[in-house]
């Protein structure tokens, strides 16, 4: 499957007591590696650090997932159950 036209969900864990997750949707990245790189660059901007209240990203954890129809359907099904 060609993921070039798909957006990517990049999730980082913050270094806080709760292990809070912070996610970005990255569009137009040709692959998971590039999506991760772009999300990391975005996460390191002063505005994003302020949005996280200065909490750092755990360098040992990240997740990159192509947002396919199946991923989106499963996510919507999961979040619908929480509402």
PDB file of N, CA and C in Angstrom:
ATOM      1  N   UNK A   1       0.841  -1.180   0.000  1.00  0.00           N
ATOM      2  CA  UNK A   1       0.000   0.000   0.000  1.00  0.00           C
ATOM      3  C   UNK A   1       0.884   1.239   0.000  1.00  0.00           C
ATOM      4  N   UNK A   2       0.548   2.213  -0.804  1.00  0.00           N
ATOM      5  CA  UNK A   2       1.295   3.465  -0.886  1.00  0.00           C
ATOM      6  C   UNK A   2       0.732   4.452   0.128  1.00  0.00           C
ATOM      7  N   UNK A   3       1.550   4.847   1.110  1.00  0.00           N
ATOM      8  CA  UNK A   3       1.101   5.748   2.170  1.00  0.00           C
ATOM      9  C   UNK A   3       1.398   7.213   1.855  1.00  0.00           C
ATOM     10  N   UNK A   4       1.900   7.507   0.673  1.00  0.00           N
ATOM     11  CA  UNK A   4       2.296   8.879   0.349  1.00  0.00           C
ATOM     12  C   UNK A   4       1.164   9.880   0.497  1.00  0.00           C
ATOM     13  N   UNK A   5      -0.041   9.513   0.149  1.00  0.00           N
ATOM     14  CA  UNK A   5      -1.148  10.456   0.210  1.00  0.00           C
ATOM     15  C   UNK A   5      -1.862  10.447   1.558  1.00  0.00           C
ATOM     16  N   UNK A   6      -1.434   9.586   2.463  1.00  0.00           N
ATOM     17  CA  UNK A   6      -2.088   9.479   3.756  1.00  0.00           C
ATOM     18  C   UNK A   6      -1.440  10.412   4.781  1.00  0.00           C
ATOM     19  N   UNK A   7      -2.241  10.948   5.695  1.00  0.00           N
ATOM     20  CA  UNK A   7      -1.642  11.693   6.802  1.00  0.00           C
ATOM     21  C   UNK A   7      -1.062  10.709   7.825  1.00  0.00           C
ATOM     22  N   UNK A   8      -0.169  11.208   8.659  1.00  0.00           N
ATOM     23  CA  UNK A   8       0.493  10.388   9.676  1.00  0.00           C
ATOM     24  C   UNK A   8       0.152  10.928  11.055  1.00  0.00           C
ATOM     25  N   UNK A   9      -0.133  10.033  11.992  1.00  0.00           N
ATOM     26  CA  UNK A   9      -0.344  10.391  13.390  1.00  0.00           C
ATOM     27  C   UNK A   9       0.951  10.079  14.130  1.00  0.00           C
ATOM     28  N   UNK A  10       1.576  11.111  14.663  1.00  0.00           N
ATOM     29  CA  UNK A  10       2.831  10.943  15.402  1.00  0.00           C
ATOM     30  C   UNK A  10       2.546  11.292  16.853  1.00  0.00           C
ATOM     31  N   UNK A  11       2.801  10.350  17.749  1.00  0.00           N
ATOM     32  CA  UNK A  11       2.506  10.544  19.165  1.00  0.00           C
ATOM     33  C   UNK A  11       3.780  10.420  19.977  1.00  0.00           C
ATOM     34  N   UNK A  12       3.970  11.372  20.861  1.00  0.00           N
ATOM     35  CA  UNK A  12       5.097  11.371  21.789  1.00  0.00           C
ATOM     36  C   UNK A  12       4.557  11.256  23.210  1.00  0.00           C
ATOM     37  N   UNK A  13       5.341  10.680  24.097  1.00  0.00           N
ATOM     38  CA  UNK A  13       4.999  10.650  25.518  1.00  0.00           C
ATOM     39  C   UNK A  13       5.807  11.744  26.195  1.00  0.00           C
ATOM     40  N   UNK A  14       5.146  12.477  27.082  1.00  0.00           N
ATOM     41  CA  UNK A  14       5.829  13.537  27.811  1.00  0.00           C
ATOM     42  C   UNK A  14       6.479  12.985  29.067  1.00  0.00           C
ATOM     43  N   UNK A  15       7.529  13.651  29.501  1.00  0.00           N
ATOM     44  CA  UNK A  15       8.198  13.274  30.753  1.00  0.00           C
ATOM     45  C   UNK A  15       7.467  13.944  31.912  1.00  0.00           C
ATOM     46  N   UNK A  16       6.321  13.388  32.260  1.00  0.00           N
ATOM     47  CA  UNK A  16       5.571  13.841  33.429  1.00  0.00           C
ATOM     48  C   UNK A  16       5.083  12.613  34.175  1.00  0.00           C
ATOM     49  N   UNK A  17       4.525  12.819  35.333  1.00  0.00           N
ATOM     50  CA  UNK A  17       4.114  11.677  36.165  1.00  0.00           C
ATOM     51  C   UNK A  17       3.025  10.842  35.512  1.00  0.00           C
ATOM     52  N   UNK A  18       2.189  11.465  34.702  1.00  0.00           N
ATOM     53  CA  UNK A  18       1.069  10.759  34.080  1.00  0.00           C
ATOM     54  C   UNK A  18       1.450  10.085  32.767  1.00  0.00           C
ATOM     55  N   UNK A  19       2.630  10.384  32.226  1.00  0.00           N
ATOM     56  CA  UNK A  19       2.994   9.830  30.916  1.00  0.00           C
ATOM     57  C   UNK A  19       2.069  10.334  29.827  1.00  0.00           C
ATOM     58  N   UNK A  20       1.706  11.609  29.901  1.00  0.00           N
ATOM     59  CA  UNK A  20       0.780  12.232  28.966  1.00  0.00           C
ATOM     60  C   UNK A  20       1.262  12.044  27.526  1.00  0.00           C
ATOM     61  N   UNK A  21       0.331  11.778  26.629  1.00  0.00           N
ATOM     62  CA  UNK A  21       0.653  11.650  25.209  1.00  0.00           C
ATOM     63  C   UNK A  21       0.358  12.986  24.519  1.00  0.00           C
ATOM     64  N   UNK A  22       1.187  13.340  23.579  1.00  0.00           N
ATOM     65  CA  UNK A  22       1.019  14.568  22.792  1.00  0.00           C
ATOM     66  C   UNK A  22       1.162  14.167  21.330  1.00  0.00           C
ATOM     67  N   UNK A  23       0.130  14.434  20.523  1.00  0.00           N
ATOM     68  CA  UNK A  23       0.107  13.932  19.149  1.00  0.00           C
ATOM     69  C   UNK A  23       0.036  15.047  18.126  1.00  0.00           C
ATOM     70  N   UNK A  24       0.548  14.723  16.941  1.00  0.00           N
ATOM     71  CA  UNK A  24       0.521  15.628  15.799  1.00  0.00           C
ATOM     72  C   UNK A  24       0.023  14.865  14.587  1.00  0.00           C
ATOM     73  N   UNK A  25      -0.753  15.532  13.756  1.00  0.00           N
ATOM     74  CA  UNK A  25      -1.120  14.992  12.446  1.00  0.00           C
ATOM     75  C   UNK A  25      -0.178  15.656  11.447  1.00  0.00           C
ATOM     76  N   UNK A  26       0.580  14.847  10.711  1.00  0.00           N
ATOM     77  CA  UNK A  26       1.541  15.344   9.734  1.00  0.00           C
ATOM     78  C   UNK A  26       1.043  14.949   8.341  1.00  0.00           C
ATOM     79  N   UNK A  27       0.824  15.958   7.520  1.00  0.00           N
ATOM     80  CA  UNK A  27       0.348  15.708   6.157  1.00  0.00           C
ATOM     81  C   UNK A  27       1.497  15.865   5.176  1.00  0.00           C
ATOM     82  N   UNK A  28       1.403  15.175   4.070  1.00  0.00           N
ATOM     83  CA  UNK A  28       2.330  15.293   2.939  1.00  0.00           C
ATOM     84  C   UNK A  28       3.729  14.744   3.195  1.00  0.00           C
ATOM     85  N   UNK A  29       3.930  13.979   4.247  1.00  0.00           N
ATOM     86  CA  UNK A  29       5.228  13.331   4.458  1.00  0.00           C
ATOM     87  C   UNK A  29       5.272  12.067   3.608  1.00  0.00           C
ATOM     88  N   UNK A  30       6.379  11.812   2.941  1.00  0.00           N
ATOM     89  CA  UNK A  30       6.452  10.648   2.056  1.00  0.00           C
ATOM     90  C   UNK A  30       6.571   9.321   2.791  1.00  0.00           C
ATOM     91  N   UNK A  31       6.978   9.357   4.066  1.00  0.00           N
ATOM     92  CA  UNK A  31       7.159   8.108   4.804  1.00  0.00           C
ATOM     93  C   UNK A  31       7.129   8.382   6.306  1.00  0.00           C
ATOM     94  N   UNK A  32       7.119   7.300   7.095  1.00  0.00           N
ATOM     95  CA  UNK A  32       7.030   7.410   8.549  1.00  0.00           C
ATOM     96  C   UNK A  32       8.236   8.134   9.142  1.00  0.00           C
ATOM     97  N   UNK A  33       9.424   7.876   8.608  1.00  0.00           N
ATOM     98  CA  UNK A  33      10.631   8.518   9.122  1.00  0.00           C
ATOM     99  C   UNK A  33      10.531  10.038   8.988  1.00  0.00           C
ATOM    100  N   UNK A  34      10.108  10.505   7.818  1.00  0.00           N
ATOM    101  CA  UNK A  34       9.979  11.939   7.582  1.00  0.00           C
ATOM    102  C   UNK A  34       8.885  12.542   8.454  1.00  0.00           C
ATOM    103  N   UNK A  35       7.767  11.845   8.599  1.00  0.00           N
ATOM    104  CA  UNK A  35       6.679  12.328   9.461  1.00  0.00           C
ATOM    105  C   UNK A  35       7.177  12.494  10.893  1.00  0.00           C
ATOM    106  N   UNK A  36       7.943  11.519  11.369  1.00  0.00           N
ATOM    107  CA  UNK A  36       8.509  11.598  12.721  1.00  0.00           C
ATOM    108  C   UNK A  36       9.450  12.793  12.844  1.00  0.00           C
ATOM    109  N   UNK A  37      10.309  12.981  11.864  1.00  0.00           N
ATOM    110  CA  UNK A  37      11.257  14.094  11.873  1.00  0.00           C
ATOM    111  C   UNK A  37      10.530  15.434  11.891  1.00  0.00           C
ATOM    112  N   UNK A  38       9.529  15.593  11.038  1.00  0.00           N
ATOM    113  CA  UNK A  38       8.778  16.848  10.984  1.00  0.00           C
ATOM    114  C   UNK A  38       8.024  17.099  12.285  1.00  0.00           C
ATOM    115  N   UNK A  39       7.442  16.049  12.860  1.00  0.00           N
ATOM    116  CA  UNK A  39       6.717  16.207  14.129  1.00  0.00           C
ATOM    117  C   UNK A  39       7.681  16.591  15.248  1.00  0.00           C
ATOM    118  N   UNK A  40       8.850  15.987  15.271  1.00  0.00           N
ATOM    119  CA  UNK A  40       9.847  16.313  16.292  1.00  0.00           C
ATOM    120  C   UNK A  40      10.292  17.773  16.147  1.00  0.00           C
ATOM    121  N   UNK A  41      10.489  18.228  14.911  1.00  0.00           N
ATOM    122  CA  UNK A  41      10.868  19.624  14.685  1.00  0.00           C
ATOM    123  C   UNK A  41       9.761  20.568  15.174  1.00  0.00           C
ATOM    124  N   UNK A  42       8.528  20.223  14.872  1.00  0.00           N
ATOM    125  CA  UNK A  42       7.398  21.023  15.328  1.00  0.00           C
ATOM    126  C   UNK A  42       7.309  21.034  16.855  1.00  0.00           C
ATOM    127  N   UNK A  43       7.483  19.867  17.458  1.00  0.00           N
ATOM    128  CA  UNK A  43       7.386  19.746  18.917  1.00  0.00           C
ATOM    129  C   UNK A  43       8.450  20.561  19.640  1.00  0.00           C
ATOM    130  N   UNK A  44       9.566  20.812  18.984  1.00  0.00           N
ATOM    131  CA  UNK A  44      10.665  21.545  19.612  1.00  0.00           C
ATOM    132  C   UNK A  44      10.578  23.063  19.435  1.00  0.00           C
ATOM    133  N   UNK A  45       9.517  23.564  18.793  1.00  0.00           N
ATOM    134  CA  UNK A  45       9.369  25.012  18.645  1.00  0.00           C
ATOM    135  C   UNK A  45       8.972  25.619  19.989  1.00  0.00           C
ATOM    136  N   UNK A  46       9.316  26.881  20.216  1.00  0.00           N
ATOM    137  CA  UNK A  46       8.938  27.536  21.488  1.00  0.00           C
ATOM    138  C   UNK A  46       7.432  27.524  21.747  1.00  0.00           C
ATOM    139  N   UNK A  47       6.639  27.667  20.681  1.00  0.00           N
ATOM    140  CA  UNK A  47       5.185  27.671  20.857  1.00  0.00           C
ATOM    141  C   UNK A  47       4.670  26.319  21.347  1.00  0.00           C
ATOM    142  N   UNK A  48       5.208  25.246  20.784  1.00  0.00           N
ATOM    143  CA  UNK A  48       4.769  23.909  21.196  1.00  0.00           C
ATOM    144  C   UNK A  48       5.252  23.576  22.606  1.00  0.00           C
ATOM    145  N   UNK A  49       6.461  23.984  22.943  1.00  0.00           N
ATOM    146  CA  UNK A  49       6.955  23.754  24.304  1.00  0.00           C
ATOM    147  C   UNK A  49       6.069  24.502  25.315  1.00  0.00           C
ATOM    148  N   UNK A  50       5.650  25.714  24.949  1.00  0.00           N
ATOM    149  CA  UNK A  50       4.761  26.481  25.823  1.00  0.00           C
ATOM    150  C   UNK A  50       3.403  25.788  25.958  1.00  0.00           C
ATOM    151  N   UNK A  51       2.899  25.228  24.851  1.00  0.00           N
ATOM    152  CA  UNK A  51       1.615  24.516  24.888  1.00  0.00           C
ATOM    153  C   UNK A  51       1.678  23.297  25.801  1.00  0.00           C
ATOM    154  N   UNK A  52       2.871  22.707  25.931  1.00  0.00           N
ATOM    155  CA  UNK A  52       3.075  21.554  26.829  1.00  0.00           C
ATOM    156  C   UNK A  52       3.491  22.012  28.223  1.00  0.00           C
ATOM    157  N   UNK A  53       3.425  23.312  28.469  1.00  0.00           N
ATOM    158  CA  UNK A  53       3.836  23.883  29.758  1.00  0.00           C
ATOM    159  C   UNK A  53       5.275  23.525  30.092  1.00  0.00           C
ATOM    160  N   UNK A  54       6.117  23.497  29.050  1.00  0.00           N
ATOM    161  CA  UNK A  54       7.540  23.248  29.227  1.00  0.00           C
ATOM    162  C   UNK A  54       7.925  21.796  29.462  1.00  0.00           C
ATOM    163  N   UNK A  55       6.943  20.905  29.493  1.00  0.00           N
ATOM    164  CA  UNK A  55       7.264  19.487  29.721  1.00  0.00           C
ATOM    165  C   UNK A  55       8.015  18.922  28.526  1.00  0.00           C
ATOM    166  N   UNK A  56       9.073  18.191  28.791  1.00  0.00           N
ATOM    167  CA  UNK A  56       9.899  17.607  27.736  1.00  0.00           C
ATOM    168  C   UNK A  56       9.272  16.321  27.200  1.00  0.00           C
ATOM    169  N   UNK A  57       9.688  15.968  25.992  1.00  0.00           N
ATOM    170  CA  UNK A  57       9.255  14.723  25.356  1.00  0.00           C
ATOM    171  C   UNK A  57      10.211  13.610  25.764  1.00  0.00           C
ATOM    172  N   UNK A  58       9.647  12.463  26.104  1.00  0.00           N
ATOM    173  CA  UNK A  58      10.445  11.288  26.446  1.00  0.00           C
ATOM    174  C   UNK A  58      11.141  10.786  25.180  1.00  0.00           C
ATOM    175  N   UNK A  59      12.477  10.813  25.138  1.00  0.00           N
ATOM    176  CA  UNK A  59      13.179  10.392  23.920  1.00  0.00           C
ATOM    177  C   UNK A  59      13.077   8.887  23.650  1.00  0.00           C
ATOM    178  N   UNK A  60      12.600   8.124  24.629  1.00  0.00           N
ATOM    179  CA  UNK A  60      12.528   6.664  24.469  1.00  0.00           C
ATOM    180  C   UNK A  60      11.208   6.196  23.888  1.00  0.00           C
ATOM    181  N   UNK A  61      10.243   7.111  23.724  1.00  0.00           N
ATOM    182  CA  UNK A  61       8.925   6.669  23.263  1.00  0.00           C
ATOM    183  C   UNK A  61       8.407   7.583  22.161  1.00  0.00           C
ATOM    184  N   UNK A  62       7.985   7.000  21.083  1.00  0.00           N
ATOM    185  CA  UNK A  62       7.207   7.688  20.061  1.00  0.00           C
ATOM    186  C   UNK A  62       6.502   6.628  19.226  1.00  0.00           C
ATOM    187  N   UNK A  63       5.474   7.057  18.545  1.00  0.00           N
ATOM    188  CA  UNK A  63       4.693   6.144  17.725  1.00  0.00           C
ATOM    189  C   UNK A  63       4.298   6.884  16.459  1.00  0.00           C
ATOM    190  N   UNK A  64       4.478   6.256  15.315  1.00  0.00           N
ATOM    191  CA  UNK A  64       4.109   6.843  14.030  1.00  0.00           C
ATOM    192  C   UNK A  64       3.165   5.867  13.332  1.00  0.00           C
ATOM    193  N   UNK A  65       2.002   6.370  12.953  1.00  0.00           N
ATOM    194  CA  UNK A  65       0.982   5.517  12.376  1.00  0.00           C
ATOM    195  C   UNK A  65       0.370   6.204  11.163  1.00  0.00           C
ATOM    196  N   UNK A  66       0.349   5.522  10.031  1.00  0.00           N
ATOM    197  CA  UNK A  66      -0.349   6.053   8.852  1.00  0.00           C
ATOM    198  C   UNK A  66      -1.839   6.003   9.128  1.00  0.00           C
ATOM    199  N   UNK A  67      -2.532   7.084   8.855  1.00  0.00           N
ATOM    200  CA  UNK A  67      -3.965   7.132   9.119  1.00  0.00           C
ATOM    201  C   UNK A  67      -4.702   6.578   7.896  1.00  0.00           C
ATOM    202  N   UNK A  68      -4.939   5.297   7.946  1.00  0.00           N
ATOM    203  CA  UNK A  68      -5.680   4.610   6.884  1.00  0.00           C
ATOM    204  C   UNK A  68      -7.165   4.597   7.252  1.00  0.00           C
ATOM    205  N   UNK A  69      -7.992   4.144   6.345  1.00  0.00           N
ATOM    206  CA  UNK A  69      -9.423   4.046   6.643  1.00  0.00           C
ATOM    207  C   UNK A  69      -9.672   3.139   7.845  1.00  0.00           C
ATOM    208  N   UNK A  70      -8.935   2.032   7.959  1.00  0.00           N
ATOM    209  CA  UNK A  70      -9.117   1.113   9.085  1.00  0.00           C
ATOM    210  C   UNK A  70      -8.717   1.756  10.399  1.00  0.00           C
ATOM    211  N   UNK A  71      -7.592   2.463  10.414  1.00  0.00           N
ATOM    212  CA  UNK A  71      -7.147   3.134  11.634  1.00  0.00           C
ATOM    213  C   UNK A  71      -8.169   4.172  12.059  1.00  0.00           C
ATOM    214  N   UNK A  72      -8.641   4.963  11.110  1.00  0.00           N
ATOM    215  CA  UNK A  72      -9.629   5.991  11.408  1.00  0.00           C
ATOM    216  C   UNK A  72     -10.925   5.373  11.932  1.00  0.00           C
ATOM    217  N   UNK A  73     -11.390   4.310  11.307  1.00  0.00           N
ATOM    218  CA  UNK A  73     -12.623   3.648  11.749  1.00  0.00           C
ATOM    219  C   UNK A  73     -12.470   3.099  13.158  1.00  0.00           C
ATOM    220  N   UNK A  74     -11.340   2.472  13.454  1.00  0.00           N
ATOM    221  CA  UNK A  74     -11.116   1.935  14.794  1.00  0.00           C
ATOM    222  C   UNK A  74     -11.014   3.050  15.830  1.00  0.00           C
ATOM    223  N   UNK A  75     -10.383   4.152  15.472  1.00  0.00           N
ATOM    224  CA  UNK A  75     -10.267   5.279  16.387  1.00  0.00           C
ATOM    225  C   UNK A  75     -11.637   5.869  16.678  1.00  0.00           C
ATOM    226  N   UNK A  76     -12.428   6.049  15.644  1.00  0.00           N
ATOM    227  CA  UNK A  76     -13.771   6.596  15.849  1.00  0.00           C
ATOM    228  C   UNK A  76     -14.630   5.657  16.672  1.00  0.00           C
ATOM    229  N   UNK A  77     -14.505   4.365  16.445  1.00  0.00           N
ATOM    230  CA  UNK A  77     -15.269   3.392  17.207  1.00  0.00           C
ATOM    231  C   UNK A  77     -14.859   3.450  18.682  1.00  0.00           C
ATOM    232  N   UNK A  78     -13.555   3.561  18.952  1.00  0.00           N
ATOM    233  CA  UNK A  78     -13.056   3.627  20.322  1.00  0.00           C
ATOM    234  C   UNK A  78     -13.532   4.901  21.004  1.00  0.00           C
ATOM    235  N   UNK A  79     -13.383   6.066  20.330  1.00  0.00           N
ATOM    236  CA  UNK A  79     -13.771   7.325  20.965  1.00  0.00           C
ATOM    237  C   UNK A  79     -15.268   7.424  21.125  1.00  0.00           C
ATOM    238  N   UNK A  80     -16.049   6.818  20.225  1.00  0.00           N
ATOM    239  CA  UNK A  80     -17.500   6.852  20.362  1.00  0.00           C
ATOM    240  C   UNK A  80     -17.906   6.136  21.657  1.00  0.00           C
ATOM    241  N   UNK A  81     -17.223   5.055  21.994  1.00  0.00           N
ATOM    242  CA  UNK A  81     -17.524   4.329  23.222  1.00  0.00           C
ATOM    243  C   UNK A  81     -17.205   5.117  24.474  1.00  0.00           C
ATOM    244  N   UNK A  82     -16.354   6.129  24.368  1.00  0.00           N
ATOM    245  CA  UNK A  82     -15.989   6.948  25.521  1.00  0.00           C
ATOM    246  C   UNK A  82     -16.975   8.083  25.749  1.00  0.00           C
ATOM    247  N   UNK A  83     -17.764   8.416  24.732  1.00  0.00           N
ATOM    248  CA  UNK A  83     -18.679   9.552  24.849  1.00  0.00           C
ATOM    249  C   UNK A  83     -19.930   9.198  25.595  1.00  0.00           C
TER     250      UNK A  83
END
